[in-house]
């Protein structure tokens, strides 16, 4: 992964984290040589969200299913991420 892609991942995760800061305990994990991860507190610990590119689109995902991801610029990604953390 190149630096530009890593920066885009960080930007997408921080945008969601900023919007969730008043509703949930959130953090962005920046481990060395690892993909940045958004952590949202939920009943079973933490929902772990990641940002990734597929073609020209960016997605936020918290699982492997197509039902566990959204386009980064879809309507209200923070709200949809919060709803996923409540399940």
Protein backbone atom coordinates (compact mmCIF):
# COMPACT_ATOMS: atom_id res chain seq x y z
CA UNK A 1 0.00 0.00 0.00
CA UNK A 2 1.37 3.40 -0.89
CA UNK A 3 1.37 6.54 1.23
CA UNK A 4 -1.43 8.23 -0.71
CA UNK A 5 -3.76 5.27 -0.21
CA UNK A 6 -2.96 5.16 3.52
CA UNK A 7 -3.73 8.87 3.80
CA UNK A 8 -7.10 8.38 2.09
CA UNK A 9 -7.94 5.54 4.49
CA UNK A 10 -7.11 7.78 7.43
CA UNK A 11 -9.17 10.69 6.07
CA UNK A 12 -12.28 8.55 5.53
CA UNK A 13 -12.03 6.98 9.00
CA UNK A 14 -11.43 10.32 10.72
CA UNK A 15 -14.42 11.88 8.97
CA UNK A 16 -16.68 9.17 10.43
CA UNK A 17 -14.96 9.28 13.84
CA UNK A 18 -15.44 13.05 14.05
CA UNK A 19 -19.18 12.73 13.45
CA UNK A 20 -19.49 9.86 15.96
CA UNK A 21 -17.52 11.58 18.72
CA UNK A 22 -20.65 12.83 20.52
CA UNK A 23 -22.57 9.53 20.25
CA UNK A 24 -20.00 6.88 20.98
CA UNK A 25 -16.61 6.09 22.33
CA UNK A 26 -14.52 6.06 19.18
CA UNK A 27 -10.85 5.87 18.33
CA UNK A 28 -8.74 5.49 15.25
CA UNK A 29 -5.98 2.92 15.64
CA UNK A 30 -2.79 3.74 13.76
CA UNK A 31 -0.49 0.77 14.16
CA UNK A 32 2.86 0.86 12.38
CA UNK A 33 2.73 -0.90 9.00
CA UNK A 34 -0.93 -1.79 9.49
CA UNK A 35 -4.16 -0.54 7.95
CA UNK A 36 -5.79 2.26 10.00
CA UNK A 37 -8.86 1.01 11.90
CA UNK A 38 -11.89 2.85 13.29
CA UNK A 39 -12.94 1.44 16.67
CA UNK A 40 -16.52 2.09 17.82
CA UNK A 41 -17.59 0.74 21.20
CA UNK A 42 -20.48 -1.71 20.99
CA UNK A 43 -22.06 -4.39 23.16
CA UNK A 44 -19.51 -7.04 22.23
CA UNK A 45 -16.40 -4.90 22.53
CA UNK A 46 -15.55 -2.81 19.49
CA UNK A 47 -16.78 -2.62 15.94
CA UNK A 48 -13.65 -2.49 13.78
CA UNK A 49 -14.12 -0.44 10.63
CA UNK A 50 -11.70 -0.13 7.74
CA UNK A 51 -11.61 2.03 4.64
CA UNK A 52 -10.56 0.57 1.30
CA UNK A 53 -10.66 1.42 -2.38
CA UNK A 54 -12.22 -0.75 -5.04
CA UNK A 55 -11.78 0.75 -8.47
CA UNK A 56 -12.53 4.45 -8.14
CA UNK A 57 -14.85 4.08 -5.15
CA UNK A 58 -13.97 4.16 -1.45
CA UNK A 59 -15.81 1.96 1.04
CA UNK A 60 -16.13 1.70 4.81
CA UNK A 61 -16.43 -1.90 5.97
CA UNK A 62 -16.89 -3.60 9.34
CA UNK A 63 -17.10 -7.16 8.02
CA UNK A 64 -16.74 -9.23 4.86
CA UNK A 65 -20.38 -9.34 3.75
CA UNK A 66 -21.74 -6.87 1.21
CA UNK A 67 -24.23 -5.91 3.94
CA UNK A 68 -21.34 -4.86 6.17
CA UNK A 69 -19.97 -2.13 3.96
CA UNK A 70 -21.05 1.19 2.54
CA UNK A 71 -19.60 3.62 0.06
CA UNK A 72 -17.59 6.25 1.90
CA UNK A 73 -19.64 9.04 0.32
CA UNK A 74 -23.07 7.41 0.66
CA UNK A 75 -25.75 9.15 2.66
CA UNK A 76 -24.66 9.53 6.28
CA UNK A 77 -21.84 6.97 6.77
CA UNK A 78 -21.47 7.91 10.49
CA UNK A 79 -25.13 7.07 11.17
CA UNK A 80 -24.91 3.75 9.31
CA UNK A 81 -21.69 2.87 11.14
CA UNK A 82 -23.36 3.70 14.48
CA UNK A 83 -26.34 1.49 13.59
CA UNK A 84 -24.01 -1.40 12.77
CA UNK A 85 -22.31 -1.02 16.16
CA UNK A 86 -25.68 -1.34 17.94
CA UNK A 87 -26.49 -4.80 16.55
